[in-house]
Amino acid sequence: MPQWRSLVLAAFLAVSGLPVAAREAPPDPQSLGALARIAQNPLAKVYSVPFQNNTNFGEGPRKQAGNILNIQPVLPFGINDDWNLITRTVFPVTSQPGLSPGQGGSFGLGATQGSFFLSPVRQTDGIGWGAGVLVQAPSVTQPALGSRVWGAGPSGIALAMRGPWVVGTLLNNVWSFGGGPQDAYNTFTFQPLINYNFARSPGTYLSTQPLITADWLAPPGQRWTVPVGLALGQVFRVSGQAMNANLGAYYNVIRPDNAPSWQLRFQLVFLFPR
């Protein structure tokens, strides 16, 4: 065969094979876009260790700044082919100004909360859910940082993933048991989760995750804290270690007296996909 015909045939075979190779190549589960979806899914079967730092401004009668560093490892376990058990523990390291005239600031560990969710392995139409219990342990190192009695209550998660959107909610209510009236608590938490992932910048996303709370034992008008805000996040790798970082600000449009007016939140998550 003449040399030019051999070259044409080789070029044709190479070009015609490219679309086939592209169609057959499986998506990379370790891509930044895929990791972002995993990082935003509280029901994902992935070990993670988030460090969430919340700096609160305008707190207390003198409108000072306080800080809470939440160390919150998430450990999922497979129970069987149908169910997962997802555990999430929150250790709050707190620096808090005095909340009443003449009261000094406090620093130490607050009450530890552990959540335990049962979640089906198979999601239906991209919708997942989990239900379980939250247990609060009296790990406070100073009286001003929380109650010194145990508590528990129901907790639940629901999540939907559609295109670039990840939308869900986390809620719970915790009641104290034991101790005196000064240690009693009855608190409600509702946290909507909304993320938008940018297709042209894999791993980059906008997020809002305001922590809406109610203290049912507080006087009327002093029960609710309702923040609004946004965060910008990015999933990346450092020496092969997958990480997720985001920075956001939230303003408390409804808040009790002496509660902070706004909050700066920075979160760094170490991801260990399985």
Protein backbone atom coordinates (compact mmCIF):
# COMPACT_ATOMS: atom_id res chain seq x y z
CA MET A 1 0.00 0.00 0.00
CA PRO A 2 1.40 3.46 -0.82
CA GLN A 3 2.70 5.42 2.15
CA TRP A 4 0.12 8.23 1.84
CA ARG A 5 -2.74 5.72 1.93
CA SER A 6 -1.28 4.17 5.09
CA LEU A 7 -1.11 7.60 6.72
CA VAL A 8 -4.70 8.46 5.75
CA LEU A 9 -5.97 5.11 7.07
CA ALA A 10 -4.09 5.53 10.35
CA ALA A 11 -5.42 9.07 10.80
CA PHE A 12 -8.99 7.96 10.05
CA LEU A 13 -8.81 5.11 12.58
CA ALA A 14 -7.35 7.43 15.23
CA VAL A 15 -9.96 10.17 14.75
CA SER A 16 -12.89 7.77 14.51
CA GLY A 17 -11.78 6.10 17.73
CA LEU A 18 -11.73 9.30 19.79
CA PRO A 19 -15.51 9.64 20.34
CA VAL A 20 -15.74 5.98 21.31
CA ALA A 21 -12.99 6.38 23.89
CA ALA A 22 -14.66 9.53 25.24
CA ARG A 23 -18.04 7.81 25.55
CA GLU A 24 -16.58 4.78 27.28
CA ALA A 25 -14.44 6.70 29.80
CA PRO A 26 -16.20 6.52 33.18
CA PRO A 27 -16.61 9.71 35.23
CA ASP A 28 -13.81 10.29 37.72
CA PRO A 29 -15.27 9.85 41.24
CA GLN A 30 -12.28 11.74 42.63
CA SER A 31 -12.80 14.87 40.48
CA LEU A 32 -13.32 18.14 42.31
CA GLY A 33 -16.92 18.36 41.09
CA ALA A 34 -17.71 14.87 42.39
CA LEU A 35 -15.96 15.56 45.68
CA ALA A 36 -17.99 18.77 46.11
CA ARG A 37 -21.23 16.81 45.78
CA ILE A 38 -19.98 14.30 48.36
CA ALA A 39 -18.86 17.07 50.72
CA GLN A 40 -22.30 18.72 50.54
CA ASN A 41 -24.20 15.50 51.25
CA PRO A 42 -24.52 14.82 55.00
CA LEU A 43 -25.76 11.31 54.13
CA ALA A 44 -22.74 10.38 51.98
CA LYS A 45 -20.76 7.34 53.04
CA VAL A 46 -17.54 9.29 53.54
CA TYR A 47 -15.51 9.95 56.66
CA SER A 48 -14.97 13.67 57.29
CA VAL A 49 -13.57 15.91 60.01
CA PRO A 50 -14.96 19.46 59.81
CA PHE A 51 -13.48 22.34 61.79
CA GLN A 52 -16.08 25.10 61.83
CA ASN A 53 -15.09 28.42 63.38
CA ASN A 54 -17.85 30.92 64.20
CA THR A 55 -16.88 34.43 65.29
CA ASN A 56 -19.87 36.28 66.74
CA PHE A 57 -20.00 40.08 66.82
CA GLY A 58 -22.12 42.32 69.05
CA GLU A 59 -22.60 39.73 71.79
CA GLY A 60 -23.57 40.52 75.39
CA PRO A 61 -24.49 43.84 77.02
CA ARG A 62 -21.19 45.42 75.95
CA LYS A 63 -21.55 44.14 72.34
CA GLN A 64 -18.29 42.23 72.36
CA ALA A 65 -17.00 39.43 70.15
CA GLY A 66 -17.15 35.74 71.00
CA ASN A 67 -15.92 32.63 69.24
CA ILE A 68 -17.00 29.01 68.91
CA LEU A 69 -14.82 26.38 67.22
CA ASN A 70 -16.92 23.29 66.45
CA ILE A 71 -14.90 20.13 65.89
CA GLN A 72 -17.45 17.73 64.39
CA PRO A 73 -16.25 14.37 63.00
CA VAL A 74 -18.76 12.50 60.80
CA LEU A 75 -18.43 8.69 60.70
CA PRO A 76 -20.83 6.58 58.58
CA PHE A 77 -21.13 2.81 59.04
CA GLY A 78 -22.83 0.21 56.89
CA ILE A 79 -25.26 -1.89 58.94
CA ASN A 80 -26.38 -4.12 56.08
CA ASP A 81 -27.16 -3.89 52.36
CA ASP A 82 -30.13 -1.60 53.01
CA TRP A 83 -29.19 0.72 55.88
CA ASN A 84 -26.36 3.00 57.00
CA LEU A 85 -25.74 4.44 60.45
CA ILE A 86 -24.33 7.96 60.27
CA THR A 87 -22.81 9.48 63.41
CA ARG A 88 -21.96 13.14 63.88
CA THR A 89 -20.40 14.52 67.07
CA VAL A 90 -19.94 18.22 67.84
CA PHE A 91 -17.29 19.36 70.34
CA PRO A 92 -17.67 23.15 70.83
CA VAL A 93 -14.60 25.03 72.08
CA THR A 94 -16.09 28.33 73.22
CA SER A 95 -14.83 31.79 74.10
CA GLN A 96 -17.75 33.83 75.36
CA PRO A 97 -18.00 37.37 76.75
CA GLY A 98 -20.10 38.09 79.83
CA LEU A 99 -23.81 37.92 79.01
CA SER A 100 -24.98 40.01 81.97
CA PRO A 101 -23.64 43.21 83.56
CA GLY A 102 -20.64 42.46 85.77
CA GLN A 103 -20.18 38.92 84.46
CA GLY A 104 -16.72 38.05 83.14
CA GLY A 105 -15.92 36.11 80.02
CA SER A 106 -15.65 32.32 79.84
CA PHE A 107 -13.50 29.92 77.86
CA GLY A 108 -13.67 26.14 77.60
CA LEU A 109 -15.62 23.21 76.23
CA GLY A 110 -19.39 23.51 75.83
CA ALA A 111 -22.00 20.74 75.80
CA THR A 112 -21.13 17.90 73.40
CA GLN A 113 -23.84 16.75 70.98
CA GLY A 114 -23.88 13.40 69.23
CA SER A 115 -26.33 12.62 66.40
CA PHE A 116 -27.11 9.10 65.20
CA PHE A 117 -29.05 8.70 61.94
CA LEU A 118 -30.39 5.62 60.21
CA SER A 119 -30.43 6.24 56.45
CA PRO A 120 -31.38 3.95 53.53
CA VAL A 121 -28.47 3.01 51.29
CA ARG A 122 -30.49 3.52 48.10
CA GLN A 123 -31.87 6.97 47.36
CA THR A 124 -35.05 7.45 45.33
CA ASP A 125 -34.85 9.99 42.47
CA GLY A 126 -31.89 11.70 44.11
CA ILE A 127 -33.76 12.18 47.40
CA GLY A 128 -32.22 10.88 50.63
CA TRP A 129 -33.22 11.02 54.24
CA GLY A 130 -32.10 10.00 57.70
CA ALA A 131 -33.86 9.78 61.06
CA GLY A 132 -32.53 9.22 64.52
CA VAL A 133 -31.69 10.75 67.86
CA LEU A 134 -29.48 13.50 69.23
CA VAL A 135 -27.85 13.09 72.65
CA GLN A 136 -26.37 16.03 74.56
CA ALA A 137 -23.65 15.33 77.13
CA PRO A 138 -22.82 17.77 79.98
CA SER A 139 -19.17 18.24 79.04
CA VAL A 140 -19.11 21.96 79.94
CA THR A 141 -15.99 23.12 81.73
CA GLN A 142 -17.55 26.37 83.01
CA PRO A 143 -21.18 26.98 84.12
CA ALA A 144 -21.70 29.89 81.67
CA LEU A 145 -20.95 27.62 78.67
CA GLY A 146 -23.99 25.36 78.97
CA SER A 147 -26.14 23.08 81.07
CA ARG A 148 -24.62 20.42 83.32
CA VAL A 149 -27.31 17.79 82.73
CA TRP A 150 -27.92 15.28 79.96
CA GLY A 151 -30.46 15.75 77.20
CA ALA A 152 -31.87 13.95 74.16
CA GLY A 153 -34.43 14.28 71.39
CA PRO A 154 -35.34 13.33 67.81
CA SER A 155 -33.32 14.46 64.82
CA GLY A 156 -33.77 14.16 61.07
CA ILE A 157 -32.21 14.97 57.69
CA ALA A 158 -33.75 15.26 54.21
CA LEU A 159 -31.79 15.98 51.03
CA ALA A 160 -32.40 16.35 47.27
CA MET A 161 -29.74 16.62 44.54
CA ARG A 162 -30.83 18.06 41.19
CA GLY A 163 -28.34 19.27 38.57
CA PRO A 164 -26.07 21.90 40.16
CA TRP A 165 -28.34 22.17 43.22
CA VAL A 166 -28.11 20.41 46.56
CA VAL A 167 -31.07 21.27 48.81
CA GLY A 168 -31.89 19.82 52.19
CA THR A 169 -32.63 20.42 55.84
CA LEU A 170 -31.46 19.28 59.25
CA LEU A 171 -33.67 19.59 62.32
CA ASN A 172 -33.84 18.43 65.93
CA ASN A 173 -35.33 19.21 69.32
CA VAL A 174 -33.52 18.42 72.56
CA TRP A 175 -34.98 18.21 76.08
CA SER A 176 -32.97 18.03 79.29
CA PHE A 177 -33.62 15.43 81.94
CA GLY A 178 -32.48 15.46 85.55
CA GLY A 179 -31.02 18.37 87.50
CA GLY A 180 -32.77 21.48 88.78
CA PRO A 181 -34.65 24.26 87.00
CA GLN A 182 -31.42 26.21 86.47
CA ASP A 183 -30.07 23.40 84.27
CA ALA A 184 -33.26 22.72 82.26
CA TYR A 185 -33.34 23.30 78.51
CA ASN A 186 -35.70 22.69 75.60
CA THR A 187 -34.17 23.80 72.31
CA PHE A 188 -35.14 23.49 68.66
CA THR A 189 -32.71 23.67 65.70
CA PHE A 190 -33.63 24.01 62.02
CA GLN A 191 -30.86 24.32 59.43
CA PRO A 192 -31.75 24.62 55.73
CA LEU A 193 -28.96 23.52 53.38
CA ILE A 194 -28.80 25.09 49.90
CA ASN A 195 -25.76 24.75 47.63
CA TYR A 196 -25.23 25.79 44.01
CA ASN A 197 -22.25 24.25 42.19
CA PHE A 198 -20.60 26.12 39.29
CA ALA A 199 -20.21 23.78 36.30
CA ARG A 200 -17.46 25.89 34.71
CA SER A 201 -15.39 25.92 37.92
CA PRO A 202 -15.45 22.36 39.35
CA GLY A 203 -15.44 22.29 43.13
CA THR A 204 -16.59 25.91 43.51
CA TYR A 205 -20.00 26.57 45.05
CA LEU A 206 -22.27 29.10 46.74
CA SER A 207 -23.96 28.00 49.93
CA THR A 208 -26.36 29.13 52.62
CA GLN A 209 -26.71 27.13 55.83
CA PRO A 210 -28.23 29.42 58.48
CA LEU A 211 -28.63 27.87 61.93
CA ILE A 212 -32.16 28.80 63.06
CA THR A 213 -32.76 28.07 66.75
CA ALA A 214 -35.50 28.46 69.35
CA ASP A 215 -35.20 28.31 73.14
CA TRP A 216 -38.69 27.26 74.23
CA LEU A 217 -37.98 28.07 77.90
CA ALA A 218 -37.04 31.69 77.19
CA PRO A 219 -39.63 34.48 77.58
CA PRO A 220 -41.73 35.38 74.51
CA GLY A 221 -39.76 37.65 72.22
CA GLN A 222 -36.47 36.13 73.38
CA ARG A 223 -36.78 32.64 71.91
CA TRP A 224 -35.79 32.79 68.25
CA THR A 225 -32.49 33.38 66.48
CA VAL A 226 -32.92 33.64 62.69
CA PRO A 227 -29.83 34.40 60.57
CA VAL A 228 -29.56 35.04 56.83
CA GLY A 229 -26.36 34.95 54.80
CA LEU A 230 -24.17 33.35 52.13
CA ALA A 231 -20.89 31.48 51.89
CA LEU A 232 -18.46 30.78 49.06
CA GLY A 233 -16.71 27.41 49.04
CA GLN A 234 -14.07 25.41 47.19
CA VAL A 235 -13.07 21.75 47.21
CA PHE A 236 -9.35 21.14 46.59
CA ARG A 237 -6.46 18.80 47.33
CA VAL A 238 -3.23 19.34 49.25
CA SER A 239 -0.64 16.58 48.71
CA GLY A 240 -3.47 14.25 47.72
CA GLN A 241 -5.63 15.04 50.75
CA ALA A 242 -9.17 16.10 49.73
CA MET A 243 -10.39 19.20 51.56
CA ASN A 244 -13.39 21.51 51.50
CA ALA A 245 -13.22 25.13 52.66
CA ASN A 246 -15.88 27.83 52.77
CA LEU A 247 -16.21 31.33 54.18
CA GLY A 248 -19.50 33.08 54.87
CA ALA A 249 -21.25 35.78 56.86
CA TYR A 250 -24.69 35.66 58.51
CA TYR A 251 -26.80 38.46 59.98
CA ASN A 252 -29.29 37.66 62.75
CA VAL A 253 -32.47 39.39 61.58
CA ILE A 254 -34.32 38.03 64.63
CA ARG A 255 -32.41 37.54 67.89
CA PRO A 256 -32.77 37.72 71.67
CA ASP A 257 -31.33 40.56 73.71
CA ASN A 258 -27.56 40.17 74.18
CA ALA A 259 -27.35 37.70 71.28
CA PRO A 260 -24.77 38.52 68.58
CA SER A 261 -25.94 40.69 65.70
CA TRP A 262 -23.89 38.87 63.03
CA GLN A 263 -21.46 36.03 62.54
CA LEU A 264 -18.41 35.28 60.41
CA ARG A 265 -18.11 31.54 59.69
CA PHE A 266 -15.08 29.73 58.30
CA GLN A 267 -15.09 25.97 57.80
CA LEU A 268 -12.31 23.58 56.79
CA VAL A 269 -13.26 19.93 56.21
CA PHE A 270 -10.88 17.00 55.76
CA LEU A 271 -12.52 14.44 53.45
CA PHE A 272 -11.76 10.70 53.38
CA PRO A 273 -13.83 9.18 50.53
CA ARG A 274 -14.40 5.44 50.85
